[in-house]
């Protein structure tokens, strides 16, 4: 098993600077899926979920969840729609991943891994 060096600055890793990541069984604090990815998956599963519930389920702060939802909206992954006193979200699963290494894949592929194919 080889070890790889990383060039990430503090705050650029797991959560992209939005809240603390949950502890892992190994105790080293990082997970393979980022908080942004986790929140996107939660929204895909339940587009009417409140930000408070997104935060609780993703194990991040509510403030972090608000920032992530804003990031996802600005990047075109979701659209927020006011529904009475609540928000609903539309996921644009045709949008590609942001990193050049995965930019030829739509996020639909990730969403389908966790939620199954859309109908």
PDB file of N, CA and C in Angstrom:
ATOM      1  N   UNK A   1       0.850  -1.170   0.000  1.00  0.00           N
ATOM      2  CA  UNK A   1       0.000   0.000   0.000  1.00  0.00           C
ATOM      3  C   UNK A   1       0.893   1.229   0.000  1.00  0.00           C
ATOM      4  N   UNK A   2       0.622   2.158  -0.930  1.00  0.00           N
ATOM      5  CA  UNK A   2       1.439   3.362  -0.999  1.00  0.00           C
ATOM      6  C   UNK A   2       0.706   4.535  -0.379  1.00  0.00           C
ATOM      7  N   UNK A   3       1.464   5.503   0.079  1.00  0.00           N
ATOM      8  CA  UNK A   3       0.892   6.724   0.631  1.00  0.00           C
ATOM      9  C   UNK A   3       1.129   7.833  -0.368  1.00  0.00           C
ATOM     10  N   UNK A   4       0.122   8.702  -0.502  1.00  0.00           N
ATOM     11  CA  UNK A   4       0.244   9.810  -1.435  1.00  0.00           C
ATOM     12  C   UNK A   4       0.226  11.114  -0.671  1.00  0.00           C
ATOM     13  N   UNK A   5       1.064  12.042  -1.090  1.00  0.00           N
ATOM     14  CA  UNK A   5       1.068  13.371  -0.488  1.00  0.00           C
ATOM     15  C   UNK A   5      -0.091  14.162  -1.060  1.00  0.00           C
ATOM     16  N   UNK A   6      -0.596  15.087  -0.305  1.00  0.00           N
ATOM     17  CA  UNK A   6      -1.682  15.936  -0.774  1.00  0.00           C
ATOM     18  C   UNK A   6      -1.256  17.389  -0.699  1.00  0.00           C
ATOM     19  N   UNK A   7      -1.823  18.189  -1.584  1.00  0.00           N
ATOM     20  CA  UNK A   7      -1.477  19.601  -1.615  1.00  0.00           C
ATOM     21  C   UNK A   7      -2.627  20.471  -1.131  1.00  0.00           C
ATOM     22  N   UNK A   8      -3.577  19.890  -0.438  1.00  0.00           N
ATOM     23  CA  UNK A   8      -4.712  20.657   0.041  1.00  0.00           C
ATOM     24  C   UNK A   8      -4.300  21.592   1.163  1.00  0.00           C
ATOM     25  N   UNK A   9      -4.856  22.773   1.111  1.00  0.00           N
ATOM     26  CA  UNK A   9      -4.689  23.731   2.195  1.00  0.00           C
ATOM     27  C   UNK A   9      -5.722  23.435   3.260  1.00  0.00           C
ATOM     28  N   UNK A  10      -5.507  23.903   4.494  1.00  0.00           N
ATOM     29  CA  UNK A  10      -6.529  23.710   5.517  1.00  0.00           C
ATOM     30  C   UNK A  10      -7.860  24.256   5.034  1.00  0.00           C
ATOM     31  N   UNK A  11      -8.929  23.482   5.252  1.00  0.00           N
ATOM     32  CA  UNK A  11     -10.252  23.907   4.852  1.00  0.00           C
ATOM     33  C   UNK A  11     -10.625  23.544   3.426  1.00  0.00           C
ATOM     34  N   UNK A  12      -9.708  23.005   2.621  1.00  0.00           N
ATOM     35  CA  UNK A  12     -10.027  22.648   1.248  1.00  0.00           C
ATOM     36  C   UNK A  12     -10.364  21.173   1.081  1.00  0.00           C
ATOM     37  N   UNK A  13     -10.237  20.408   2.104  1.00  0.00           N
ATOM     38  CA  UNK A  13     -10.430  18.966   1.981  1.00  0.00           C
ATOM     39  C   UNK A  13     -11.870  18.555   2.030  1.00  0.00           C
ATOM     40  N   UNK A  14     -12.203  17.693   2.923  1.00  0.00           N
ATOM     41  CA  UNK A  14     -13.484  17.026   3.026  1.00  0.00           C
ATOM     42  C   UNK A  14     -14.685  17.931   2.833  1.00  0.00           C
ATOM     43  N   UNK A  15     -14.838  18.925   3.624  1.00  0.00           N
ATOM     44  CA  UNK A  15     -16.060  19.713   3.571  1.00  0.00           C
ATOM     45  C   UNK A  15     -15.945  20.964   2.754  1.00  0.00           C
ATOM     46  N   UNK A  16     -14.819  21.224   2.137  1.00  0.00           N
ATOM     47  CA  UNK A  16     -14.679  22.424   1.351  1.00  0.00           C
ATOM     48  C   UNK A  16     -14.803  23.674   2.189  1.00  0.00           C
ATOM     49  N   UNK A  17     -14.490  23.560   3.481  1.00  0.00           N
ATOM     50  CA  UNK A  17     -14.555  24.716   4.346  1.00  0.00           C
ATOM     51  C   UNK A  17     -15.916  24.935   4.983  1.00  0.00           C
ATOM     52  N   UNK A  18     -16.867  24.023   4.788  1.00  0.00           N
ATOM     53  CA  UNK A  18     -18.206  24.176   5.338  1.00  0.00           C
ATOM     54  C   UNK A  18     -18.437  23.196   6.470  1.00  0.00           C
ATOM     55  N   UNK A  19     -18.004  23.537   7.672  1.00  0.00           N
ATOM     56  CA  UNK A  19     -18.288  22.718   8.844  1.00  0.00           C
ATOM     57  C   UNK A  19     -17.317  21.575   9.028  1.00  0.00           C
ATOM     58  N   UNK A  20     -17.382  20.986  10.197  1.00  0.00           N
ATOM     59  CA  UNK A  20     -16.498  19.879  10.532  1.00  0.00           C
ATOM     60  C   UNK A  20     -17.062  18.580   9.987  1.00  0.00           C
ATOM     61  N   UNK A  21     -16.178  17.701   9.578  1.00  0.00           N
ATOM     62  CA  UNK A  21     -16.642  16.404   9.109  1.00  0.00           C
ATOM     63  C   UNK A  21     -16.850  15.482  10.297  1.00  0.00           C
ATOM     64  N   UNK A  22     -17.699  14.515  10.091  1.00  0.00           N
ATOM     65  CA  UNK A  22     -18.003  13.562  11.153  1.00  0.00           C
ATOM     66  C   UNK A  22     -16.804  12.655  11.396  1.00  0.00           C
ATOM     67  N   UNK A  23     -16.682  12.198  12.620  1.00  0.00           N
ATOM     68  CA  UNK A  23     -15.602  11.273  12.954  1.00  0.00           C
ATOM     69  C   UNK A  23     -15.842   9.947  12.244  1.00  0.00           C
ATOM     70  N   UNK A  24     -14.774   9.310  11.847  1.00  0.00           N
ATOM     71  CA  UNK A  24     -14.872   8.013  11.199  1.00  0.00           C
ATOM     72  C   UNK A  24     -14.412   6.954  12.192  1.00  0.00           C
ATOM     73  N   UNK A  25     -14.720   5.683  11.921  1.00  0.00           N
ATOM     74  CA  UNK A  25     -14.273   4.624  12.822  1.00  0.00           C
ATOM     75  C   UNK A  25     -12.751   4.629  13.014  1.00  0.00           C
ATOM     76  N   UNK A  26     -12.023   5.046  11.968  1.00  0.00           N
ATOM     77  CA  UNK A  26     -10.567   5.085  12.072  1.00  0.00           C
ATOM     78  C   UNK A  26     -10.099   6.261  12.920  1.00  0.00           C
ATOM     79  N   UNK A  27     -10.998   7.241  13.131  1.00  0.00           N
ATOM     80  CA  UNK A  27     -10.673   8.375  13.970  1.00  0.00           C
ATOM     81  C   UNK A  27      -9.867   9.463  13.291  1.00  0.00           C
ATOM     82  N   UNK A  28      -9.671   9.387  11.964  1.00  0.00           N
ATOM     83  CA  UNK A  28      -8.854  10.389  11.301  1.00  0.00           C
ATOM     84  C   UNK A  28      -9.666  11.513  10.669  1.00  0.00           C
ATOM     85  N   UNK A  29     -11.003  11.475  10.758  1.00  0.00           N
ATOM     86  CA  UNK A  29     -11.841  12.599  10.408  1.00  0.00           C
ATOM     87  C   UNK A  29     -12.239  12.770   8.960  1.00  0.00           C
ATOM     88  N   UNK A  30     -11.667  12.048   8.005  1.00  0.00           N
ATOM     89  CA  UNK A  30     -12.065  12.277   6.620  1.00  0.00           C
ATOM     90  C   UNK A  30     -12.912  11.125   6.111  1.00  0.00           C
ATOM     91  N   UNK A  31     -13.746  11.438   5.122  1.00  0.00           N
ATOM     92  CA  UNK A  31     -14.554  10.415   4.464  1.00  0.00           C
ATOM     93  C   UNK A  31     -14.386  10.566   2.962  1.00  0.00           C
ATOM     94  N   UNK A  32     -14.706   9.549   2.227  1.00  0.00           N
ATOM     95  CA  UNK A  32     -14.512   9.564   0.782  1.00  0.00           C
ATOM     96  C   UNK A  32     -15.483  10.519   0.090  1.00  0.00           C
ATOM     97  N   UNK A  33     -16.676  10.639   0.593  1.00  0.00           N
ATOM     98  CA  UNK A  33     -17.675  11.525   0.008  1.00  0.00           C
ATOM     99  C   UNK A  33     -17.647  12.861   0.742  1.00  0.00           C
ATOM    100  N   UNK A  34     -17.581  13.962   0.000  1.00  0.00           N
ATOM    101  CA  UNK A  34     -17.529  15.285   0.628  1.00  0.00           C
ATOM    102  C   UNK A  34     -18.896  15.683   1.176  1.00  0.00           C
ATOM    103  N   UNK A  35     -18.902  16.695   1.994  1.00  0.00           N
ATOM    104  CA  UNK A  35     -20.166  17.218   2.516  1.00  0.00           C
ATOM    105  C   UNK A  35     -21.040  17.735   1.381  1.00  0.00           C
ATOM    106  N   UNK A  36     -20.442  18.334   0.368  1.00  0.00           N
ATOM    107  CA  UNK A  36     -21.215  18.809  -0.782  1.00  0.00           C
ATOM    108  C   UNK A  36     -21.902  17.635  -1.479  1.00  0.00           C
ATOM    109  N   UNK A  37     -21.172  16.564  -1.706  1.00  0.00           N
ATOM    110  CA  UNK A  37     -21.752  15.387  -2.333  1.00  0.00           C
ATOM    111  C   UNK A  37     -22.844  14.780  -1.485  1.00  0.00           C
ATOM    112  N   UNK A  38     -22.608  14.723  -0.192  1.00  0.00           N
ATOM    113  CA  UNK A  38     -23.585  14.148   0.725  1.00  0.00           C
ATOM    114  C   UNK A  38     -24.878  14.963   0.731  1.00  0.00           C
ATOM    115  N   UNK A  39     -24.774  16.287   0.775  1.00  0.00           N
ATOM    116  CA  UNK A  39     -25.964  17.136   0.774  1.00  0.00           C
ATOM    117  C   UNK A  39     -26.710  16.997  -0.561  1.00  0.00           C
ATOM    118  N   UNK A  40     -25.982  16.942  -1.666  1.00  0.00           N
ATOM    119  CA  UNK A  40     -26.629  16.750  -2.967  1.00  0.00           C
ATOM    120  C   UNK A  40     -27.412  15.435  -2.990  1.00  0.00           C
ATOM    121  N   UNK A  41     -26.834  14.378  -2.468  1.00  0.00           N
ATOM    122  CA  UNK A  41     -27.529  13.090  -2.421  1.00  0.00           C
ATOM    123  C   UNK A  41     -28.768  13.152  -1.533  1.00  0.00           C
ATOM    124  N   UNK A  42     -28.668  13.830  -0.410  1.00  0.00           N
ATOM    125  CA  UNK A  42     -29.821  13.966   0.485  1.00  0.00           C
ATOM    126  C   UNK A  42     -30.953  14.734  -0.190  1.00  0.00           C
ATOM    127  N   UNK A  43     -30.605  15.783  -0.916  1.00  0.00           N
ATOM    128  CA  UNK A  43     -31.616  16.551  -1.643  1.00  0.00           C
ATOM    129  C   UNK A  43     -32.221  15.697  -2.751  1.00  0.00           C
ATOM    130  N   UNK A  44     -31.407  14.915  -3.448  1.00  0.00           N
ATOM    131  CA  UNK A  44     -31.920  14.050  -4.513  1.00  0.00           C
ATOM    132  C   UNK A  44     -32.913  13.033  -3.958  1.00  0.00           C
ATOM    133  N   UNK A  45     -32.663  12.547  -2.760  1.00  0.00           N
ATOM    134  CA  UNK A  45     -33.561  11.565  -2.139  1.00  0.00           C
ATOM    135  C   UNK A  45     -34.866  12.205  -1.676  1.00  0.00           C
ATOM    136  N   UNK A  46     -34.781  13.446  -1.188  1.00  0.00           N
ATOM    137  CA  UNK A  46     -35.955  14.122  -0.641  1.00  0.00           C
ATOM    138  C   UNK A  46     -35.852  15.615  -0.927  1.00  0.00           C
ATOM    139  N   UNK A  47     -36.366  16.051  -2.081  1.00  0.00           N
ATOM    140  CA  UNK A  47     -36.222  17.449  -2.501  1.00  0.00           C
ATOM    141  C   UNK A  47     -36.910  18.465  -1.589  1.00  0.00           C
ATOM    142  N   UNK A  48     -37.751  18.001  -0.693  1.00  0.00           N
ATOM    143  CA  UNK A  48     -38.441  18.910   0.221  1.00  0.00           C
ATOM    144  C   UNK A  48     -37.831  18.961   1.611  1.00  0.00           C
ATOM    145  N   UNK A  49     -36.709  18.327   1.784  1.00  0.00           N
ATOM    146  CA  UNK A  49     -36.069  18.267   3.104  1.00  0.00           C
ATOM    147  C   UNK A  49     -35.596  19.653   3.529  1.00  0.00           C
ATOM    148  N   UNK A  50     -35.823  19.998   4.795  1.00  0.00           N
ATOM    149  CA  UNK A  50     -35.393  21.294   5.330  1.00  0.00           C
ATOM    150  C   UNK A  50     -33.882  21.319   5.520  1.00  0.00           C
ATOM    151  N   UNK A  51     -33.309  22.512   5.453  1.00  0.00           N
ATOM    152  CA  UNK A  51     -31.861  22.667   5.634  1.00  0.00           C
ATOM    153  C   UNK A  51     -31.442  22.116   6.988  1.00  0.00           C
ATOM    154  N   UNK A  52     -32.236  22.345   8.002  1.00  0.00           N
ATOM    155  CA  UNK A  52     -31.933  21.815   9.338  1.00  0.00           C
ATOM    156  C   UNK A  52     -31.802  20.300   9.303  1.00  0.00           C
ATOM    157  N   UNK A  53     -32.707  19.654   8.569  1.00  0.00           N
ATOM    158  CA  UNK A  53     -32.675  18.195   8.458  1.00  0.00           C
ATOM    159  C   UNK A  53     -31.500  17.715   7.605  1.00  0.00           C
ATOM    160  N   UNK A  54     -31.183  18.485   6.550  1.00  0.00           N
ATOM    161  CA  UNK A  54     -30.005  18.156   5.745  1.00  0.00           C
ATOM    162  C   UNK A  54     -28.760  18.170   6.617  1.00  0.00           C
ATOM    163  N   UNK A  55     -28.640  19.216   7.431  1.00  0.00           N
ATOM    164  CA  UNK A  55     -27.470  19.366   8.300  1.00  0.00           C
ATOM    165  C   UNK A  55     -27.368  18.210   9.286  1.00  0.00           C
ATOM    166  N   UNK A  56     -28.484  17.890   9.914  1.00  0.00           N
ATOM    167  CA  UNK A  56     -28.476  16.802  10.899  1.00  0.00           C
ATOM    168  C   UNK A  56     -28.085  15.479  10.246  1.00  0.00           C
ATOM    169  N   UNK A  57     -28.683  15.196   9.111  1.00  0.00           N
ATOM    170  CA  UNK A  57     -28.420  13.917   8.429  1.00  0.00           C
ATOM    171  C   UNK A  57     -26.984  13.833   7.912  1.00  0.00           C
ATOM    172  N   UNK A  58     -26.440  14.980   7.438  1.00  0.00           N
ATOM    173  CA  UNK A  58     -25.075  15.010   6.912  1.00  0.00           C
ATOM    174  C   UNK A  58     -24.041  15.179   8.018  1.00  0.00           C
ATOM    175  N   UNK A  59     -24.502  15.386   9.236  1.00  0.00           N
ATOM    176  CA  UNK A  59     -23.639  15.578  10.402  1.00  0.00           C
ATOM    177  C   UNK A  59     -22.718  16.785  10.228  1.00  0.00           C
ATOM    178  N   UNK A  60     -23.343  17.894   9.794  1.00  0.00           N
ATOM    179  CA  UNK A  60     -22.653  19.168   9.667  1.00  0.00           C
ATOM    180  C   UNK A  60     -23.510  20.217  10.356  1.00  0.00           C
ATOM    181  N   UNK A  61     -22.976  21.412  10.522  1.00  0.00           N
ATOM    182  CA  UNK A  61     -23.759  22.469  11.146  1.00  0.00           C
ATOM    183  C   UNK A  61     -24.814  22.981  10.167  1.00  0.00           C
ATOM    184  N   UNK A  62     -25.854  23.600  10.711  1.00  0.00           N
ATOM    185  CA  UNK A  62     -26.888  24.183   9.859  1.00  0.00           C
ATOM    186  C   UNK A  62     -26.290  25.296   8.993  1.00  0.00           C
ATOM    187  N   UNK A  63     -25.385  26.056   9.571  1.00  0.00           N
ATOM    188  CA  UNK A  63     -24.718  27.115   8.817  1.00  0.00           C
ATOM    189  C   UNK A  63     -23.928  26.529   7.641  1.00  0.00           C
ATOM    190  N   UNK A  64     -23.247  25.411   7.874  1.00  0.00           N
ATOM    191  CA  UNK A  64     -22.506  24.754   6.800  1.00  0.00           C
ATOM    192  C   UNK A  64     -23.458  24.275   5.714  1.00  0.00           C
ATOM    193  N   UNK A  65     -24.596  23.716   6.118  1.00  0.00           N
ATOM    194  CA  UNK A  65     -25.578  23.228   5.146  1.00  0.00           C
ATOM    195  C   UNK A  65     -26.115  24.372   4.292  1.00  0.00           C
ATOM    196  N   UNK A  66     -26.369  25.523   4.905  1.00  0.00           N
ATOM    197  CA  UNK A  66     -26.834  26.690   4.148  1.00  0.00           C
ATOM    198  C   UNK A  66     -25.790  27.079   3.099  1.00  0.00           C
ATOM    199  N   UNK A  67     -24.518  27.107   3.485  1.00  0.00           N
ATOM    200  CA  UNK A  67     -23.447  27.446   2.554  1.00  0.00           C
ATOM    201  C   UNK A  67     -23.324  26.441   1.426  1.00  0.00           C
ATOM    202  N   UNK A  68     -23.476  25.165   1.745  1.00  0.00           N
ATOM    203  CA  UNK A  68     -23.379  24.119   0.725  1.00  0.00           C
ATOM    204  C   UNK A  68     -24.540  24.208  -0.253  1.00  0.00           C
ATOM    205  N   UNK A  69     -25.755  24.427   0.260  1.00  0.00           N
ATOM    206  CA  UNK A  69     -26.920  24.578  -0.621  1.00  0.00           C
ATOM    207  C   UNK A  69     -26.698  25.765  -1.554  1.00  0.00           C
ATOM    208  N   UNK A  70     -26.167  26.850  -1.028  1.00  0.00           N
ATOM    209  CA  UNK A  70     -25.877  28.026  -1.865  1.00  0.00           C
ATOM    210  C   UNK A  70     -24.836  27.686  -2.927  1.00  0.00           C
ATOM    211  N   UNK A  71     -23.775  26.970  -2.529  1.00  0.00           N
ATOM    212  CA  UNK A  71     -22.746  26.548  -3.489  1.00  0.00           C
ATOM    213  C   UNK A  71     -23.341  25.678  -4.593  1.00  0.00           C
ATOM    214  N   UNK A  72     -24.161  24.701  -4.209  1.00  0.00           N
ATOM    215  CA  UNK A  72     -24.767  23.793  -5.181  1.00  0.00           C
ATOM    216  C   UNK A  72     -25.688  24.548  -6.136  1.00  0.00           C
ATOM    217  N   UNK A  73     -26.399  25.531  -5.594  1.00  0.00           N
ATOM    218  CA  UNK A  73     -27.292  26.333  -6.434  1.00  0.00           C
ATOM    219  C   UNK A  73     -26.486  27.195  -7.402  1.00  0.00           C
ATOM    220  N   UNK A  74     -25.449  27.849  -6.914  1.00  0.00           N
ATOM    221  CA  UNK A  74     -24.623  28.700  -7.774  1.00  0.00           C
ATOM    222  C   UNK A  74     -23.908  27.900  -8.860  1.00  0.00           C
ATOM    223  N   UNK A  75     -23.567  26.658  -8.572  1.00  0.00           N
ATOM    224  CA  UNK A  75     -22.885  25.806  -9.547  1.00  0.00           C
ATOM    225  C   UNK A  75     -23.853  25.147 -10.531  1.00  0.00           C
ATOM    226  N   UNK A  76     -25.163  25.330 -10.319  1.00  0.00           N
ATOM    227  CA  UNK A  76     -26.156  24.795 -11.238  1.00  0.00           C
ATOM    228  C   UNK A  76     -26.612  23.380 -10.951  1.00  0.00           C
ATOM    229  N   UNK A  77     -26.201  22.812  -9.820  1.00  0.00           N
ATOM    230  CA  UNK A  77     -26.608  21.447  -9.487  1.00  0.00           C
ATOM    231  C   UNK A  77     -28.046  21.378  -8.984  1.00  0.00           C
ATOM    232  N   UNK A  78     -28.518  22.454  -8.356  1.00  0.00           N
ATOM    233  CA  UNK A  78     -29.881  22.485  -7.839  1.00  0.00           C
ATOM    234  C   UNK A  78     -30.495  23.851  -8.110  1.00  0.00           C
ATOM    235  N   UNK A  79     -31.820  23.889  -8.096  1.00  0.00           N
ATOM    236  CA  UNK A  79     -32.577  25.136  -8.114  1.00  0.00           C
ATOM    237  C   UNK A  79     -33.497  25.098  -6.905  1.00  0.00           C
ATOM    238  N   UNK A  80     -33.524  26.201  -6.175  1.00  0.00           N
ATOM    239  CA  UNK A  80     -34.384  26.307  -4.995  1.00  0.00           C
ATOM    240  C   UNK A  80     -35.696  26.943  -5.419  1.00  0.00           C
ATOM    241  N   UNK A  81     -36.809  26.319  -5.022  1.00  0.00           N
ATOM    242  CA  UNK A  81     -38.142  26.814  -5.348  1.00  0.00           C
ATOM    243  C   UNK A  81     -38.907  27.009  -4.052  1.00  0.00           C
ATOM    244  N   UNK A  82     -39.464  28.187  -3.880  1.00  0.00           N
ATOM    245  CA  UNK A  82     -40.263  28.481  -2.699  1.00  0.00           C
ATOM    246  C   UNK A  82     -41.594  27.749  -2.821  1.00  0.00           C
ATOM    247  N   UNK A  83     -41.972  27.017  -1.771  1.00  0.00           N
ATOM    248  CA  UNK A  83     -43.215  26.252  -1.744  1.00  0.00           C
ATOM    249  C   UNK A  83     -43.925  26.601  -0.443  1.00  0.00           C
ATOM    250  N   UNK A  84     -44.727  27.676  -0.480  1.00  0.00           N
ATOM    251  CA  UNK A  84     -45.343  28.161   0.752  1.00  0.00           C
ATOM    252  C   UNK A  84     -44.272  28.734   1.662  1.00  0.00           C
ATOM    253  N   UNK A  85     -44.166  28.195   2.861  1.00  0.00           N
ATOM    254  CA  UNK A  85     -43.161  28.659   3.815  1.00  0.00           C
ATOM    255  C   UNK A  85     -41.873  27.850   3.737  1.00  0.00           C
ATOM    256  N   UNK A  86     -41.850  26.873   2.871  1.00  0.00           N
ATOM    257  CA  UNK A  86     -40.679  25.990   2.773  1.00  0.00           C
ATOM    258  C   UNK A  86     -40.047  26.093   1.402  1.00  0.00           C
ATOM    259  N   UNK A  87     -38.881  25.503   1.298  1.00  0.00           N
ATOM    260  CA  UNK A  87     -38.191  25.408   0.013  1.00  0.00           C
ATOM    261  C   UNK A  87     -38.238  23.975  -0.478  1.00  0.00           C
ATOM    262  N   UNK A  88     -38.320  23.827  -1.775  1.00  0.00           N
ATOM    263  CA  UNK A  88     -38.139  22.543  -2.439  1.00  0.00           C
ATOM    264  C   UNK A  88     -36.979  22.733  -3.390  1.00  0.00           C
ATOM    265  N   UNK A  89     -36.357  21.661  -3.758  1.00  0.00           N
ATOM    266  CA  UNK A  89     -35.200  21.741  -4.635  1.00  0.00           C
ATOM    267  C   UNK A  89     -35.418  20.869  -5.861  1.00  0.00           C
ATOM    268  N   UNK A  90     -34.928  21.349  -6.990  1.00  0.00           N
ATOM    269  CA  UNK A  90     -34.897  20.563  -8.218  1.00  0.00           C
ATOM    270  C   UNK A  90     -33.431  20.250  -8.467  1.00  0.00           C
ATOM    271  N   UNK A  91     -33.113  18.974  -8.607  1.00  0.00           N
ATOM    272  CA  UNK A  91     -31.740  18.552  -8.868  1.00  0.00           C
ATOM    273  C   UNK A  91     -31.538  18.472 -10.375  1.00  0.00           C
ATOM    274  N   UNK A  92     -30.484  19.102 -10.842  1.00  0.00           N
ATOM    275  CA  UNK A  92     -30.128  19.065 -12.262  1.00  0.00           C
ATOM    276  C   UNK A  92     -29.019  18.025 -12.432  1.00  0.00           C
ATOM    277  N   UNK A  93     -29.448  16.778 -12.542  1.00  0.00           N
ATOM    278  CA  UNK A  93     -28.493  15.675 -12.526  1.00  0.00           C
ATOM    279  C   UNK A  93     -27.697  15.520 -13.814  1.00  0.00           C
ATOM    280  N   UNK A  94     -28.011  16.333 -14.819  1.00  0.00           N
ATOM    281  CA  UNK A  94     -27.246  16.293 -16.066  1.00  0.00           C
ATOM    282  C   UNK A  94     -25.963  17.114 -15.985  1.00  0.00           C
ATOM    283  N   UNK A  95     -25.835  17.935 -14.942  1.00  0.00           N
ATOM    284  CA  UNK A  95     -24.649  18.779 -14.778  1.00  0.00           C
ATOM    285  C   UNK A  95     -23.446  17.885 -14.460  1.00  0.00           C
ATOM    286  N   UNK A  96     -22.321  18.208 -15.064  1.00  0.00           N
ATOM    287  CA  UNK A  96     -21.109  17.405 -14.888  1.00  0.00           C
ATOM    288  C   UNK A  96     -20.415  17.703 -13.567  1.00  0.00           C
ATOM    289  N   UNK A  97     -19.596  16.764 -13.143  1.00  0.00           N
ATOM    290  CA  UNK A  97     -18.736  16.980 -11.982  1.00  0.00           C
ATOM    291  C   UNK A  97     -17.817  18.161 -12.257  1.00  0.00           C
ATOM    292  N   UNK A  98     -17.387  18.850 -11.224  1.00  0.00           N
ATOM    293  CA  UNK A  98     -16.565  20.045 -11.368  1.00  0.00           C
ATOM    294  C   UNK A  98     -15.092  19.743 -11.618  1.00  0.00           C
ATOM    295  N   UNK A  99     -14.571  18.678 -11.048  1.00  0.00           N
ATOM    296  CA  UNK A  99     -13.149  18.387 -11.174  1.00  0.00           C
ATOM    297  C   UNK A  99     -12.846  17.856 -12.574  1.00  0.00           C
ATOM    298  N   UNK A 100     -11.762  18.324 -13.192  1.00  0.00           N
ATOM    299  CA  UNK A 100     -11.431  17.877 -14.550  1.00  0.00           C
ATOM    300  C   UNK A 100     -11.325  16.356 -14.707  1.00  0.00           C
ATOM    301  N   UNK A 101     -10.932  15.659 -13.666  1.00  0.00           N
ATOM    302  CA  UNK A 101     -10.780  14.205 -13.764  1.00  0.00           C
ATOM    303  C   UNK A 101     -12.124  13.497 -13.943  1.00  0.00           C
ATOM    304  N   UNK A 102     -13.220  14.134 -13.504  1.00  0.00           N
ATOM    305  CA  UNK A 102     -14.548  13.529 -13.623  1.00  0.00           C
ATOM    306  C   UNK A 102     -15.494  14.372 -14.464  1.00  0.00           C
ATOM    307  N   UNK A 103     -15.005  15.424 -15.097  1.00  0.00           N
ATOM    308  CA  UNK A 103     -15.859  16.387 -15.789  1.00  0.00           C
ATOM    309  C   UNK A 103     -16.632  15.799 -16.965  1.00  0.00           C
ATOM    310  N   UNK A 104     -16.266  14.619 -17.422  1.00  0.00           N
ATOM    311  CA  UNK A 104     -17.007  13.997 -18.523  1.00  0.00           C
ATOM    312  C   UNK A 104     -18.131  13.092 -18.017  1.00  0.00           C
ATOM    313  N   UNK A 105     -18.426  13.172 -16.718  1.00  0.00           N
ATOM    314  CA  UNK A 105     -19.512  12.390 -16.124  1.00  0.00           C
ATOM    315  C   UNK A 105     -20.542  13.316 -15.492  1.00  0.00           C
ATOM    316  N   UNK A 106     -21.834  13.070 -15.739  1.00  0.00           N
ATOM    317  CA  UNK A 106     -22.864  13.855 -15.052  1.00  0.00           C
ATOM    318  C   UNK A 106     -23.025  13.352 -13.615  1.00  0.00           C
ATOM    319  N   UNK A 107     -23.476  14.236 -12.735  1.00  0.00           N
ATOM    320  CA  UNK A 107     -23.667  13.820 -11.337  1.00  0.00           C
ATOM    321  C   UNK A 107     -24.769  12.769 -11.215  1.00  0.00           C
ATOM    322  N   UNK A 108     -25.574  12.617 -12.252  1.00  0.00           N
ATOM    323  CA  UNK A 108     -26.600  11.574 -12.266  1.00  0.00           C
ATOM    324  C   UNK A 108     -25.997  10.209 -11.932  1.00  0.00           C
ATOM    325  N   UNK A 109     -24.790   9.962 -12.429  1.00  0.00           N
ATOM    326  CA  UNK A 109     -24.142   8.672 -12.190  1.00  0.00           C
ATOM    327  C   UNK A 109     -23.913   8.433 -10.703  1.00  0.00           C
ATOM    328  N   UNK A 110     -23.491   9.447  -9.984  1.00  0.00           N
ATOM    329  CA  UNK A 110     -23.301   9.316  -8.533  1.00  0.00           C
ATOM    330  C   UNK A 110     -24.646   9.161  -7.829  1.00  0.00           C
ATOM    331  N   UNK A 111     -25.595   9.986  -8.210  1.00  0.00           N
ATOM    332  CA  UNK A 111     -26.917   9.936  -7.578  1.00  0.00           C
ATOM    333  C   UNK A 111     -27.543   8.565  -7.753  1.00  0.00           C
ATOM    334  N   UNK A 112     -27.412   7.989  -8.948  1.00  0.00           N
ATOM    335  CA  UNK A 112     -28.003   6.672  -9.195  1.00  0.00           C
ATOM    336  C   UNK A 112     -27.340   5.568  -8.378  1.00  0.00           C
ATOM    337  N   UNK A 113     -26.078   5.717  -8.073  1.00  0.00           N
ATOM    338  CA  UNK A 113     -25.406   4.718  -7.231  1.00  0.00           C
ATOM    339  C   UNK A 113     -26.074   4.640  -5.860  1.00  0.00           C
ATOM    340  N   UNK A 114     -26.456   5.796  -5.332  1.00  0.00           N
ATOM    341  CA  UNK A 114     -27.020   5.853  -3.987  1.00  0.00           C
ATOM    342  C   UNK A 114     -28.531   5.815  -3.924  1.00  0.00           C
ATOM    343  N   UNK A 115     -29.208   6.221  -5.007  1.00  0.00           N
ATOM    344  CA  UNK A 115     -30.665   6.290  -4.952  1.00  0.00           C
ATOM    345  C   UNK A 115     -31.351   5.385  -5.960  1.00  0.00           C
ATOM    346  N   UNK A 116     -30.606   4.810  -6.886  1.00  0.00           N
ATOM    347  CA  UNK A 116     -31.175   4.006  -7.949  1.00  0.00           C
ATOM    348  C   UNK A 116     -31.510   4.877  -9.139  1.00  0.00           C
ATOM    349  N   UNK A 117     -31.751   4.269 -10.294  1.00  0.00           N
ATOM    350  CA  UNK A 117     -32.060   5.037 -11.511  1.00  0.00           C
ATOM    351  C   UNK A 117     -33.350   5.830 -11.351  1.00  0.00           C
ATOM    352  N   UNK A 118     -33.368   7.033 -11.924  1.00  0.00           N
ATOM    353  CA  UNK A 118     -34.596   7.838 -11.888  1.00  0.00           C
ATOM    354  C   UNK A 118     -35.562   7.290 -12.918  1.00  0.00           C
ATOM    355  N   UNK A 119     -36.828   7.509 -12.643  1.00  0.00           N
ATOM    356  CA  UNK A 119     -37.849   6.969 -13.560  1.00  0.00           C
ATOM    357  C   UNK A 119     -38.478   8.060 -14.385  1.00  0.00           C
TER     358      UNK A 119
END
